[in-house]
C-alpha atoms as a PDB file:
ATOM      1  CA  MET A   1    -247.653 -35.077  -2.301  1.00  0.00           C
ATOM      2  CA  PRO A   2    -244.840 -37.088  -4.011  1.00  0.00           C
ATOM      3  CA  SER A   3    -245.849 -39.671  -6.575  1.00  0.00           C
ATOM      4  CA  HIS A   4    -244.828 -42.661  -4.423  1.00  0.00           C
ATOM      5  CA  PHE A   5    -247.215 -41.443  -1.711  1.00  0.00           C
ATOM      6  CA  GLN A   6    -249.979 -41.073  -4.315  1.00  0.00           C
ATOM      7  CA  ALA A   7    -249.568 -44.749  -5.195  1.00  0.00           C
ATOM      8  CA  LEU A   8    -250.130 -45.695  -1.567  1.00  0.00           C
ATOM      9  CA  HIS A   9    -253.355 -43.705  -1.446  1.00  0.00           C
ATOM     10  CA  LEU A  10    -254.606 -45.219  -4.719  1.00  0.00           C
ATOM     11  CA  ASN A  11    -254.181 -48.643  -3.164  1.00  0.00           C
ATOM     12  CA  GLY A  12    -256.396 -47.695  -0.266  1.00  0.00           C
ATOM     13  CA  TYR A  13    -253.526 -46.917   2.140  1.00  0.00           C
ATOM     14  CA  PRO A  14    -253.326 -45.214   4.572  1.00  0.00           C
ATOM     15  CA  PRO A  15    -256.838 -46.022   5.952  1.00  0.00           C
ATOM     16  CA  ALA A  16    -259.547 -43.452   5.522  1.00  0.00           C
ATOM     17  CA  TYR A  17    -259.510 -42.378   9.138  1.00  0.00           C
ATOM     18  CA  TRP A  18    -255.802 -41.385   9.176  1.00  0.00           C
ATOM     19  CA  PRO A  19    -255.738 -38.176   7.069  1.00  0.00           C
ATOM     20  CA  GLN A  20    -257.187 -36.094   9.927  1.00  0.00           C
ATOM     21  CA  TYR A  21    -253.863 -36.624  11.754  1.00  0.00           C
ATOM     22  CA  PRO A  22    -250.965 -36.558   9.265  1.00  0.00           C
ATOM     23  CA  PRO A  23    -249.596 -34.413   7.852  1.00  0.00           C
ATOM     24  CA  TYR A  24    -250.949 -31.665  10.074  1.00  0.00           C
ATOM     25  CA  TYR A  25    -251.917 -33.357  13.320  1.00  0.00           C
ATOM     26  CA  VAL A  26    -252.239 -30.866  16.164  1.00  0.00           C
ATOM     27  CA  ALA A  27    -252.834 -32.046  19.709  1.00  0.00           C
ATOM     28  CA  PRO A  28    -256.077 -30.619  21.204  1.00  0.00           C
ATOM     29  CA  GLN A  29    -255.658 -27.980  23.853  1.00  0.00           C
ATOM     30  CA  GLY A  30    -256.787 -28.576  27.437  1.00  0.00           C
ATOM     31  CA  GLY A  31    -257.249 -32.193  28.484  1.00  0.00           C
ATOM     32  CA  PHE A  32    -256.197 -34.011  31.648  1.00  0.00           C
ATOM     33  CA  ASP A  33    -254.376 -32.213  34.454  1.00  0.00           C
ATOM     34  CA  LYS A  34    -252.162 -35.220  35.198  1.00  0.00           C
ATOM     35  CA  ASP A  35    -250.184 -37.510  32.952  1.00  0.00           C
ATOM     36  CA  SER A  36    -252.050 -40.570  31.711  1.00  0.00           C
ATOM     37  CA  GLU A  37    -250.478 -43.981  31.145  1.00  0.00           C
ATOM     38  CA  MET A  38    -253.561 -45.270  29.369  1.00  0.00           C
ATOM     39  CA  ALA A  39    -252.216 -44.762  25.851  1.00  0.00           C
ATOM     40  CA  LYS A  40    -248.573 -45.669  26.366  1.00  0.00           C
ATOM     41  CA  PRO A  41    -247.451 -47.407  23.131  1.00  0.00           C
ATOM     42  CA  ASP A  42    -245.546 -50.671  22.928  1.00  0.00           C
ATOM     43  CA  LYS A  43    -242.060 -50.626  21.446  1.00  0.00           C
ATOM     44  CA  PHE A  44    -242.100 -50.878  17.676  1.00  0.00           C
ATOM     45  CA  THR A  45    -239.223 -53.008  16.384  1.00  0.00           C
ATOM     46  CA  GLY A  46    -240.054 -52.873  12.693  1.00  0.00           C
ATOM     47  CA  TRP A  47    -239.930 -56.656  12.291  1.00  0.00           C
ATOM     48  CA  ASP A  48    -243.728 -57.143  12.299  1.00  0.00           C
ATOM     49  CA  PRO A  49    -245.514 -54.871   9.777  1.00  0.00           C
ATOM     50  CA  SER A  50    -248.904 -55.615  11.306  1.00  0.00           C
ATOM     51  CA  LYS A  51    -247.839 -53.734  14.472  1.00  0.00           C
ATOM     52  CA  LEU A  52    -247.151 -50.462  12.684  1.00  0.00           C
ATOM     53  CA  HIS A  53    -250.747 -49.287  12.539  1.00  0.00           C
ATOM     54  CA  PRO A  54    -251.433 -50.041  16.286  1.00  0.00           C
ATOM     55  CA  PHE A  55    -248.167 -48.252  17.174  1.00  0.00           C
ATOM     56  CA  ILE A  56    -249.179 -45.060  15.329  1.00  0.00           C
ATOM     57  CA  ILE A  57    -252.680 -45.145  16.841  1.00  0.00           C
ATOM     58  CA  SER A  58    -251.189 -45.625  20.334  1.00  0.00           C
ATOM     59  CA  CYS A  59    -248.991 -42.586  19.788  1.00  0.00           C
ATOM     60  CA  ILE A  60    -251.964 -40.482  18.662  1.00  0.00           C
ATOM     61  CA  MET A  61    -253.897 -41.585  21.785  1.00  0.00           C
ATOM     62  CA  ALA A  62    -250.946 -40.470  23.885  1.00  0.00           C
ATOM     63  CA  PHE A  63    -250.995 -37.059  22.204  1.00  0.00           C
ATOM     64  CA  ASP A  64    -254.715 -36.720  22.971  1.00  0.00           C
ATOM     65  CA  SER A  65    -254.345 -37.802  26.610  1.00  0.00           C
ATOM     66  CA  ARG A  66    -251.476 -35.371  27.344  1.00  0.00           C
ATOM     67  CA  PRO A  67    -252.028 -32.366  24.991  1.00  0.00           C
ATOM     68  CA  HIS A  68    -249.992 -30.030  27.203  1.00  0.00           C
ATOM     69  CA  LYS A  69    -246.883 -32.169  26.502  1.00  0.00           C
ATOM     70  CA  PHE A  70    -247.423 -32.527  22.746  1.00  0.00           C
ATOM     71  CA  VAL A  71    -248.209 -29.073  21.490  1.00  0.00           C
ATOM     72  CA  THR A  72    -245.757 -29.187  18.572  1.00  0.00           C
ATOM     73  CA  ASN A  73    -245.017 -31.751  15.864  1.00  0.00           C
ATOM     74  CA  HIS A  74    -241.400 -31.907  17.134  1.00  0.00           C
ATOM     75  CA  GLN A  75    -242.570 -33.105  20.568  1.00  0.00           C
ATOM     76  CA  GLN A  76    -244.813 -35.716  18.966  1.00  0.00           C
ATOM     77  CA  VAL A  77    -242.026 -37.114  16.746  1.00  0.00           C
ATOM     78  CA  LEU A  78    -239.556 -37.258  19.657  1.00  0.00           C
ATOM     79  CA  TYR A  79    -242.065 -39.139  21.793  1.00  0.00           C
ATOM     80  CA  ALA A  80    -242.872 -41.673  19.051  1.00  0.00           C
ATOM     81  CA  ALA A  81    -239.187 -42.139  18.241  1.00  0.00           C
ATOM     82  CA  SER A  82    -238.427 -42.948  21.861  1.00  0.00           C
ATOM     83  CA  TYR A  83    -240.542 -46.115  21.471  1.00  0.00           C
ATOM     84  CA  LEU A  84    -238.627 -47.380  18.430  1.00  0.00           C
ATOM     85  CA  SER A  85    -236.310 -50.347  18.849  1.00  0.00           C
ATOM     86  CA  GLY A  86    -234.672 -53.076  16.769  1.00  0.00           C
ATOM     87  CA  ILE A  87    -234.428 -52.377  13.081  1.00  0.00           C
ATOM     88  CA  ALA A  88    -236.784 -49.396  13.418  1.00  0.00           C
ATOM     89  CA  MET A  89    -234.263 -47.734  15.752  1.00  0.00           C
ATOM     90  CA  ILE A  90    -231.451 -48.529  13.319  1.00  0.00           C
ATOM     91  CA  TRP A  91    -233.503 -46.731  10.660  1.00  0.00           C
ATOM     92  CA  TRP A  92    -233.934 -43.706  12.948  1.00  0.00           C
ATOM     93  CA  GLN A  93    -230.417 -43.392  14.301  1.00  0.00           C
ATOM     94  CA  PRO A  94    -228.897 -41.504  11.299  1.00  0.00           C
ATOM     95  CA  THR A  95    -231.406 -38.678  11.826  1.00  0.00           C
ATOM     96  CA  LEU A  96    -230.016 -38.183  15.364  1.00  0.00           C
ATOM     97  CA  VAL A  97    -226.629 -37.086  14.073  1.00  0.00           C
ATOM     98  CA  THR A  98    -227.611 -35.371  10.834  1.00  0.00           C
ATOM     99  CA  TYR A  99    -227.070 -31.612  10.787  1.00  0.00           C
ATOM    100  CA  PRO A 100    -228.931 -29.521   9.911  1.00  0.00           C
ATOM    101  CA  LYS A 101    -231.919 -31.392  11.280  1.00  0.00           C
ATOM    102  CA  LEU A 102    -234.048 -33.095   8.678  1.00  0.00           C
ATOM    103  CA  LEU A 103    -237.686 -32.090   7.947  1.00  0.00           C
ATOM    104  CA  ILE A 104    -238.909 -35.286   9.661  1.00  0.00           C
ATOM    105  CA  TRP A 105    -237.903 -33.924  13.072  1.00  0.00           C
ATOM    106  CA  GLY A 106    -240.637 -31.310  13.062  1.00  0.00           C
ATOM    107  CA  ASN A 107    -243.279 -32.985  10.896  1.00  0.00           C
ATOM    108  CA  TRP A 108    -245.451 -35.741  12.333  1.00  0.00           C
ATOM    109  CA  GLY A 109    -246.958 -36.478   8.914  1.00  0.00           C
ATOM    110  CA  GLU A 110    -243.508 -36.988   7.364  1.00  0.00           C
ATOM    111  CA  PHE A 111    -242.546 -39.267  10.249  1.00  0.00           C
ATOM    112  CA  VAL A 112    -245.631 -41.419   9.652  1.00  0.00           C
ATOM    113  CA  ASP A 113    -245.151 -41.465   5.893  1.00  0.00           C
ATOM    114  CA  GLN A 114    -241.507 -42.616   6.275  1.00  0.00           C
ATOM    115  CA  LEU A 115    -242.527 -45.376   8.702  1.00  0.00           C
ATOM    116  CA  ASN A 116    -245.086 -46.539   6.137  1.00  0.00           C
ATOM    117  CA  ILE A 117    -242.482 -46.575   3.357  1.00  0.00           C
ATOM    118  CA  TYR A 118    -240.028 -48.728   5.285  1.00  0.00           C
ATOM    119  CA  PHE A 119    -242.157 -50.839   7.602  1.00  0.00           C
ATOM    120  CA  ARG A 120    -245.734 -51.094   6.315  1.00  0.00           C
ATOM    121  CA  GLN A 121    -247.312 -54.379   5.316  1.00  0.00           C
ATOM    122  CA  PRO A 122    -246.353 -55.133   1.686  1.00  0.00           C
ATOM    123  CA  ASN A 123    -249.363 -55.456  -0.621  1.00  0.00           C
ATOM    124  CA  TRP A 124    -251.615 -54.528   2.288  1.00  0.00           C
ATOM    125  CA  ALA A 125    -254.658 -53.972   0.117  1.00  0.00           C
ATOM    126  CA  GLN A 126    -254.370 -57.436  -1.378  1.00  0.00           C
ATOM    127  CA  ALA A 127    -253.745 -59.054   2.003  1.00  0.00           C
ATOM    128  CA  SER A 128    -256.820 -57.285   3.450  1.00  0.00           C
ATOM    129  CA  LYS A 129    -259.018 -58.437   0.553  1.00  0.00           C
ATOM    130  CA  HIS A 130    -257.874 -61.996   1.052  1.00  0.00           C
ATOM    131  CA  ALA A 131    -258.530 -61.791   4.771  1.00  0.00           C
ATOM    132  CA  LEU A 132    -262.115 -60.651   4.102  1.00  0.00           C
ATOM    133  CA  CYS A 133    -262.628 -63.422   1.570  1.00  0.00           C
ATOM    134  CA  VAL A 134    -261.861 -66.091   4.147  1.00  0.00           C
ATOM    135  CA  LEU A 135    -263.682 -64.331   7.030  1.00  0.00           C
ATOM    136  CA  LYS A 136    -266.981 -65.903   8.085  1.00  0.00           C
ATOM    137  CA  MET A 137    -269.546 -65.423  10.808  1.00  0.00           C
ATOM    138  CA  TYR A 138    -270.858 -68.610  12.473  1.00  0.00           C
ATOM    139  CA  ASP A 139    -274.288 -69.168  13.966  1.00  0.00           C
ATOM    140  CA  HIS A 140    -272.929 -69.444  17.526  1.00  0.00           C
ATOM    141  CA  GLN A 141    -271.144 -66.056  17.265  1.00  0.00           C
ATOM    142  CA  HIS A 142    -272.388 -62.601  18.142  1.00  0.00           C
ATOM    143  CA  VAL A 143    -272.143 -60.266  15.152  1.00  0.00           C
ATOM    144  CA  ASN A 144    -269.962 -57.691  16.957  1.00  0.00           C
ATOM    145  CA  LYS A 145    -266.902 -59.972  16.809  1.00  0.00           C
ATOM    146  CA  TYR A 146    -267.380 -60.521  13.079  1.00  0.00           C
ATOM    147  CA  MET A 147    -267.963 -56.794  12.584  1.00  0.00           C
ATOM    148  CA  ILE A 148    -264.725 -55.837  14.356  1.00  0.00           C
ATOM    149  CA  GLU A 149    -262.715 -58.264  12.248  1.00  0.00           C
ATOM    150  CA  PHE A 150    -264.344 -57.001   9.081  1.00  0.00           C
ATOM    151  CA  SER A 151    -263.675 -53.364   9.988  1.00  0.00           C
ATOM    152  CA  LYS A 152    -260.080 -54.191  10.792  1.00  0.00           C
ATOM    153  CA  HIS A 153    -259.401 -55.117   7.155  1.00  0.00           C
ATOM    154  CA  MET A 154    -261.911 -53.127   5.165  1.00  0.00           C
ATOM    155  CA  THR A 155    -260.143 -49.774   5.482  1.00  0.00           C
ATOM    156  CA  HIS A 156    -257.182 -51.028   3.450  1.00  0.00           C
ATOM    157  CA  THR A 157    -259.175 -52.422   0.507  1.00  0.00           C
ATOM    158  CA  GLY A 158    -260.357 -49.189  -1.115  1.00  0.00           C
ATOM    159  CA  TRP A 159    -263.805 -50.743  -1.693  1.00  0.00           C
ATOM    160  CA  ASN A 160    -266.865 -48.478  -1.944  1.00  0.00           C
ATOM    161  CA  ASP A 161    -270.092 -48.939   0.033  1.00  0.00           C
ATOM    162  CA  VAL A 162    -271.707 -51.160  -2.567  1.00  0.00           C
ATOM    163  CA  VAL A 163    -268.901 -53.691  -2.509  1.00  0.00           C
ATOM    164  CA  LEU A 164    -268.544 -53.465   1.296  1.00  0.00           C
ATOM    165  CA  CYS A 165    -272.243 -54.162   1.774  1.00  0.00           C
ATOM    166  CA  GLY A 166    -272.109 -57.172  -0.509  1.00  0.00           C
ATOM    167  CA  GLU A 167    -268.977 -58.669   1.094  1.00  0.00           C
ATOM    168  CA  PHE A 168    -270.277 -58.004   4.631  1.00  0.00           C
ATOM    169  CA  TYR A 169    -273.713 -59.540   3.977  1.00  0.00           C
ATOM    170  CA  TRP A 170    -272.459 -62.580   2.062  1.00  0.00           C
ATOM    171  CA  VAL A 171    -270.879 -64.377   5.012  1.00  0.00           C
ATOM    172  CA  LEU A 172    -273.252 -63.347   7.782  1.00  0.00           C
ATOM    173  CA  ALA A 173    -274.841 -66.138   9.780  1.00  0.00           C
ATOM    174  CA  GLU A 174    -278.060 -67.377   8.253  1.00  0.00           C
ATOM    175  CA  CYS A 175    -280.048 -66.418  11.378  1.00  0.00           C
ATOM    176  CA  ILE A 176    -279.085 -62.766  10.770  1.00  0.00           C
ATOM    177  CA  LYS A 177    -279.622 -62.901   6.989  1.00  0.00           C
ATOM    178  CA  ASP A 178    -283.189 -64.212   7.505  1.00  0.00           C
ATOM    179  CA  GLN A 179    -284.068 -61.130   9.596  1.00  0.00           C
ATOM    180  CA  LEU A 180    -282.398 -58.721   7.212  1.00  0.00           C
ATOM    181  CA  LEU A 181    -284.587 -59.998   4.366  1.00  0.00           C
ATOM    182  CA  SER A 182    -287.629 -58.451   6.081  1.00  0.00           C
ATOM    183  CA  LEU A 183    -285.986 -54.989   6.145  1.00  0.00           C
ATOM    184  CA  ASP A 184    -285.364 -52.520   3.339  1.00  0.00           C
ATOM    185  CA  ARG A 185    -282.028 -53.236   1.692  1.00  0.00           C
ATOM    186  CA  PRO A 186    -279.615 -50.481   2.854  1.00  0.00           C
ATOM    187  CA  GLN A 187    -277.391 -48.734   0.324  1.00  0.00           C
ATOM    188  CA  MET A 188    -274.914 -47.420   2.901  1.00  0.00           C
ATOM    189  CA  PHE A 189    -272.549 -49.714   4.765  1.00  0.00           C
ATOM    190  CA  GLN A 190    -273.047 -47.908   8.090  1.00  0.00           C
ATOM    191  CA  LYS A 191    -276.819 -48.504   7.852  1.00  0.00           C
ATOM    192  CA  LEU A 192    -276.259 -52.187   7.123  1.00  0.00           C
ATOM    193  CA  LYS A 193    -274.091 -52.512  10.214  1.00  0.00           C
ATOM    194  CA  ALA A 194    -276.726 -50.816  12.353  1.00  0.00           C
ATOM    195  CA  ASP A 195    -279.481 -53.087  11.013  1.00  0.00           C
ATOM    196  CA  THR A 196    -277.277 -56.144  11.552  1.00  0.00           C
ATOM    197  CA  LEU A 197    -276.627 -55.236  15.194  1.00  0.00           C
ATOM    198  CA  LYS A 198    -280.374 -54.866  15.802  1.00  0.00           C
ATOM    199  CA  CYS A 199    -281.042 -58.234  14.196  1.00  0.00           C
ATOM    200  CA  ASP A 200    -278.315 -59.864  16.248  1.00  0.00           C
ATOM    201  CA  THR A 201    -279.683 -58.418  19.490  1.00  0.00           C
ATOM    202  CA  HIS A 202    -283.194 -59.610  18.597  1.00  0.00           C
ATOM    203  CA  TYR A 203    -281.954 -63.083  17.758  1.00  0.00           C
ATOM    204  CA  TRP A 204    -280.085 -63.605  21.009  1.00  0.00           C
ATOM    205  CA  GLU A 205    -282.923 -62.187  23.078  1.00  0.00           C
ATOM    206  CA  HIS A 206    -285.204 -64.704  21.410  1.00  0.00           C
ATOM    207  CA  GLN A 207    -282.725 -67.526  22.088  1.00  0.00           C
ATOM    208  CA  GLY A 208    -282.587 -66.499  25.744  1.00  0.00           C
ATOM    209  CA  LYS A 209    -286.352 -66.645  26.052  1.00  0.00           C
ATOM    210  CA  LYS A 210    -286.432 -70.124  24.531  1.00  0.00           C
ATOM    211  CA  ALA A 211    -283.755 -71.378  26.909  1.00  0.00           C
ATOM    212  CA  THR A 212    -285.435 -69.932  30.026  1.00  0.00           C
ATOM    213  CA  PRO A 213    -288.889 -71.364  30.920  1.00  0.00           C
ATOM    214  CA  SER A 214    -291.497 -68.843  31.965  1.00  0.00           C
ATOM    215  CA  GLY A 215    -292.595 -68.458  35.538  1.00  0.00           C
ATOM    216  CA  ARG A 216    -295.892 -70.188  34.726  1.00  0.00           C
ATOM    217  CA  ASN A 217    -294.141 -73.167  33.171  1.00  0.00           C
ATOM    218  CA  ARG A 218    -291.802 -73.463  36.157  1.00  0.00           C
ATOM    219  CA  GLN A 219    -294.732 -73.357  38.537  1.00  0.00           C
ATOM    220  CA  SER A 220    -296.715 -75.989  36.624  1.00  0.00           C
ATOM    221  CA  ALA A 221    -293.640 -78.186  36.424  1.00  0.00           C
ATOM    222  CA  SER A 222    -293.188 -78.015  40.235  1.00  0.00           C
ATOM    223  CA  THR A 223    -296.850 -78.835  41.012  1.00  0.00           C
ATOM    224  CA  SER A 224    -296.949 -81.752  38.595  1.00  0.00           C
ATOM    225  CA  ALA A 225    -293.805 -83.329  39.977  1.00  0.00           C
ATOM    226  CA  PRO A 226    -294.505 -86.334  42.210  1.00  0.00           C
ATOM    227  CA  ALA A 227    -293.883 -85.843  45.897  1.00  0.00           C
ATOM    228  CA  LYS A 228    -291.064 -87.846  47.415  1.00  0.00           C
END
Protein backbone atom coordinates (compact mmCIF):
# COMPACT_ATOMS: atom_id res chain seq x y z
CA MET A 1 0.00 0.00 0.00
CA PRO A 2 1.44 3.47 -0.89
CA SER A 3 2.75 5.60 1.94
CA HIS A 4 -0.06 8.18 1.74
CA PHE A 5 -2.58 5.37 2.32
CA GLN A 6 -0.55 4.16 5.30
CA ALA A 7 -0.88 7.59 6.86
CA LEU A 8 -4.66 7.35 6.60
CA HIS A 9 -4.68 4.00 8.38
CA LEU A 10 -2.40 5.26 11.14
CA ASN A 11 -4.89 8.02 11.82
CA GLY A 12 -7.67 5.49 12.30
CA TYR A 13 -9.11 5.85 8.79
CA PRO A 14 -10.76 4.08 7.07
CA PRO A 15 -12.95 2.65 9.89
CA ALA A 16 -12.14 -0.83 11.16
CA TYR A 17 -15.15 -2.41 9.48
CA TRP A 18 -14.19 -1.31 5.93
CA PRO A 19 -11.17 -3.53 5.14
CA GLN A 20 -13.37 -6.55 4.47
CA TYR A 21 -14.63 -4.75 1.34
CA PRO A 22 -11.79 -2.78 -0.27
CA PRO A 23 -9.54 -3.57 -1.92
CA TYR A 24 -10.90 -7.02 -2.75
CA TYR A 25 -14.65 -6.77 -2.23
CA VAL A 26 -16.50 -9.56 -4.00
CA ALA A 27 -20.27 -9.60 -4.11
CA PRO A 28 -21.76 -12.76 -2.55
CA GLN A 29 -23.27 -15.27 -4.92
CA GLY A 30 -26.97 -16.07 -4.87
CA GLY A 31 -29.25 -13.51 -3.22
CA PHE A 32 -32.58 -12.11 -4.31
CA ASP A 33 -34.26 -13.19 -7.51
CA LYS A 34 -35.56 -9.69 -8.26
CA ASP A 35 -33.89 -6.30 -8.15
CA SER A 36 -34.09 -4.50 -4.83
CA GLU A 37 -34.44 -0.75 -4.43
CA MET A 38 -33.77 -0.92 -0.69
CA ALA A 39 -30.11 0.03 -0.91
CA LYS A 40 -30.23 2.60 -3.71
CA PRO A 41 -27.62 5.27 -2.84
CA ASP A 42 -28.19 9.01 -2.89
CA LYS A 43 -26.18 11.10 -5.33
CA PHE A 44 -22.77 12.02 -3.98
CA THR A 45 -21.79 15.55 -5.01
CA GLY A 46 -18.46 15.75 -3.19
CA TRP A 47 -19.34 19.01 -1.45
CA ASP A 48 -20.19 17.46 1.92
CA PRO A 49 -17.40 15.14 3.20
CA SER A 50 -19.69 13.67 5.87
CA LYS A 51 -21.79 12.04 3.12
CA LEU A 52 -18.91 10.04 1.64
CA HIS A 53 -19.04 7.22 4.18
CA PRO A 54 -22.86 6.74 3.87
CA PHE A 55 -22.51 6.79 0.08
CA ILE A 56 -19.92 3.98 0.08
CA ILE A 57 -21.96 1.92 2.55
CA SER A 58 -25.09 2.38 0.39
CA CYS A 59 -23.18 1.12 -2.64
CA ILE A 60 -21.98 -1.94 -0.72
CA MET A 61 -25.56 -2.65 0.38
CA ALA A 62 -26.64 -2.45 -3.26
CA PHE A 63 -23.94 -4.97 -4.21
CA ASP A 64 -25.20 -7.34 -1.51
CA SER A 65 -28.86 -6.99 -2.51
CA ARG A 66 -28.20 -7.65 -6.23
CA PRO A 67 -25.15 -9.95 -6.35
CA HIS A 68 -26.03 -11.27 -9.81
CA LYS A 69 -25.54 -7.74 -11.22
CA PHE A 70 -22.28 -6.97 -9.39
CA VAL A 71 -20.11 -10.01 -9.88
CA THR A 72 -17.02 -8.04 -10.93
CA ASN A 73 -15.24 -4.99 -9.54
CA HIS A 74 -15.81 -3.24 -12.87
CA GLN A 75 -19.59 -3.52 -12.48
CA GLN A 76 -19.37 -2.21 -8.92
CA VAL A 77 -17.30 0.83 -9.91
CA LEU A 78 -19.59 1.68 -12.84
CA TYR A 79 -22.65 1.50 -10.59
CA ALA A 80 -21.13 3.73 -7.91
CA ALA A 81 -19.84 6.20 -10.50
CA SER A 82 -23.35 6.53 -11.95
CA TYR A 83 -24.40 8.13 -8.63
CA LEU A 84 -21.69 10.80 -8.68
CA SER A 85 -22.65 14.39 -9.43
CA GLY A 86 -21.35 17.90 -8.91
CA ILE A 87 -17.65 18.20 -8.21
CA ALA A 88 -17.40 14.42 -7.71
CA MET A 89 -18.54 13.88 -11.30
CA ILE A 90 -16.05 16.52 -12.51
CA TRP A 91 -13.34 14.48 -10.75
CA TRP A 92 -14.54 11.28 -12.45
CA GLN A 93 -15.07 12.60 -15.99
CA PRO A 94 -11.40 12.42 -17.13
CA THR A 95 -11.38 8.66 -16.48
CA LEU A 96 -14.23 8.27 -18.99
CA VAL A 97 -12.06 9.40 -21.89
CA THR A 98 -8.66 8.11 -20.79
CA TYR A 99 -7.28 5.28 -22.91
CA PRO A 100 -6.10 2.74 -22.03
CA LYS A 101 -8.52 2.46 -19.15
CA LEU A 102 -7.06 3.25 -15.74
CA LEU A 103 -6.71 0.71 -12.93
CA ILE A 104 -9.55 2.36 -11.03
CA TRP A 105 -12.10 1.08 -13.60
CA GLY A 106 -11.69 -2.52 -12.47
CA ASN A 107 -10.74 -2.07 -8.83
CA TRP A 108 -13.37 -1.20 -6.24
CA GLY A 109 -10.72 -0.70 -3.56
CA GLU A 110 -8.83 1.81 -5.72
CA PHE A 111 -12.10 3.64 -6.40
CA VAL A 112 -12.82 3.93 -2.67
CA ASP A 113 -9.26 4.98 -1.87
CA GLN A 114 -9.36 7.75 -4.49
CA LEU A 115 -12.70 9.02 -3.20
CA ASN A 116 -11.18 9.15 0.28
CA ILE A 117 -8.16 11.10 -0.96
CA TYR A 118 -10.21 13.79 -2.68
CA PHE A 119 -13.45 13.97 -0.70
CA ARG A 120 -12.98 12.57 2.80
CA GLN A 121 -13.44 14.66 5.93
CA PRO A 122 -10.16 16.51 6.64
CA ASN A 123 -8.67 15.66 10.04
CA TRP A 124 -11.47 13.14 10.56
CA ALA A 125 -9.80 11.52 13.55
CA GLN A 126 -9.51 14.85 15.34
CA ALA A 127 -13.06 15.83 14.45
CA SER A 128 -14.37 12.49 15.76
CA LYS A 129 -12.47 12.85 19.04
CA HIS A 130 -13.91 16.32 19.51
CA ALA A 131 -17.44 15.05 18.77
CA LEU A 132 -17.06 12.37 21.46
CA CYS A 133 -15.73 14.91 23.96
CA VAL A 134 -18.90 17.01 23.68
CA LEU A 135 -21.27 14.04 23.48
CA LYS A 136 -23.36 13.41 26.58
CA MET A 137 -26.20 11.13 27.64
CA TYR A 138 -29.01 12.75 29.62
CA ASP A 139 -31.22 11.13 32.25
CA HIS A 140 -34.35 11.35 30.08
CA GLN A 141 -32.65 9.51 27.18
CA HIS A 142 -32.52 5.83 26.37
CA VAL A 143 -28.95 4.63 26.08
CA ASN A 144 -29.35 3.27 22.54
CA LYS A 145 -29.44 6.79 21.06
CA TYR A 146 -26.26 7.74 22.89
CA MET A 147 -24.65 4.44 21.88
CA ILE A 148 -25.41 4.98 18.19
CA GLU A 149 -23.91 8.48 18.27
CA PHE A 150 -20.84 7.18 20.09
CA SER A 151 -20.34 4.34 17.60
CA LYS A 152 -20.73 6.77 14.70
CA HIS A 153 -17.56 8.60 15.72
CA MET A 154 -15.46 6.05 17.59
CA THR A 155 -14.34 4.12 14.50
CA HIS A 156 -12.34 7.10 13.26
CA THR A 157 -10.46 7.80 16.50
CA GLY A 158 -8.08 4.83 16.55
CA TRP A 159 -8.69 4.42 20.31
CA ASN A 160 -8.24 1.00 21.93
CA ASP A 161 -10.78 -0.72 24.18
CA VAL A 162 -9.42 0.81 27.38
CA VAL A 163 -9.83 4.38 26.12
CA LEU A 164 -13.20 3.64 24.52
CA CYS A 165 -14.53 2.16 27.77
CA GLY A 166 -13.41 5.20 29.73
CA GLU A 167 -14.84 7.73 27.29
CA PHE A 168 -18.10 5.81 26.92
CA TYR A 169 -18.63 5.42 30.67
CA TRP A 170 -17.64 8.96 31.61
CA VAL A 171 -20.70 10.71 30.14
CA LEU A 172 -23.34 8.05 30.77
CA ALA A 173 -26.42 9.15 32.70
CA GLU A 174 -25.99 8.79 36.46
CA CYS A 175 -28.91 6.35 36.66
CA ILE A 176 -26.94 3.95 34.42
CA LYS A 177 -23.61 4.53 36.15
CA ASP A 178 -25.16 3.64 39.53
CA GLN A 179 -26.22 0.22 38.22
CA LEU A 180 -22.90 -0.45 36.51
CA LEU A 181 -21.09 0.04 39.83
CA SER A 182 -22.71 -3.16 41.11
CA LEU A 183 -21.29 -5.18 38.17
CA ASP A 184 -17.77 -6.35 37.45
CA ARG A 185 -15.89 -3.70 35.52
CA PRO A 186 -15.62 -4.94 31.89
CA GLN A 187 -12.31 -4.73 30.08
CA MET A 188 -13.80 -5.03 26.59
CA PHE A 189 -15.87 -2.28 25.04
CA GLN A 190 -18.44 -4.69 23.59
CA LYS A 191 -19.07 -6.12 27.07
CA LEU A 192 -19.53 -2.63 28.50
CA LYS A 193 -22.12 -1.84 25.83
CA ALA A 194 -24.01 -5.06 26.58
CA ASP A 195 -24.03 -4.33 30.32
CA THR A 196 -25.15 -0.76 29.68
CA LEU A 197 -28.09 -1.90 27.56
CA LYS A 198 -29.20 -4.28 30.32
CA CYS A 199 -28.97 -1.52 32.92
CA ASP A 200 -30.93 0.85 30.70
CA THR A 201 -33.68 -1.72 30.15
CA HIS A 202 -33.88 -2.39 33.90
CA TYR A 203 -34.04 1.33 34.69
CA TRP A 204 -36.90 2.09 32.31
CA GLU A 205 -38.85 -0.99 33.38
CA HIS A 206 -38.55 0.24 36.96
CA GLN A 207 -39.66 3.72 35.92
CA GLY A 208 -42.68 2.24 34.17
CA LYS A 209 -43.70 0.32 37.28
CA LYS A 210 -43.46 3.46 39.40
CA ALA A 211 -45.60 5.42 36.95
CA THR A 212 -48.31 2.74 36.71
CA PRO A 213 -50.22 1.94 39.94
CA SER A 214 -50.81 -1.74 40.65
CA GLY A 215 -54.21 -3.31 40.24
CA ARG A 216 -54.63 -3.45 44.03
CA ASN A 217 -53.86 0.23 44.39
CA ARG A 218 -56.29 1.12 41.62
CA GLN A 219 -58.99 -0.96 43.25
CA SER A 220 -58.46 0.57 46.70
CA ALA A 221 -58.46 4.03 45.19
CA SER A 222 -61.82 3.38 43.51
CA THR A 223 -63.48 1.98 46.67
CA SER A 224 -62.24 4.82 48.83
CA ALA A 225 -63.48 7.51 46.45
CA PRO A 226 -66.68 9.17 47.70
CA ALA A 227 -69.83 8.35 45.77
CA LYS A 228 -71.38 11.20 43.82
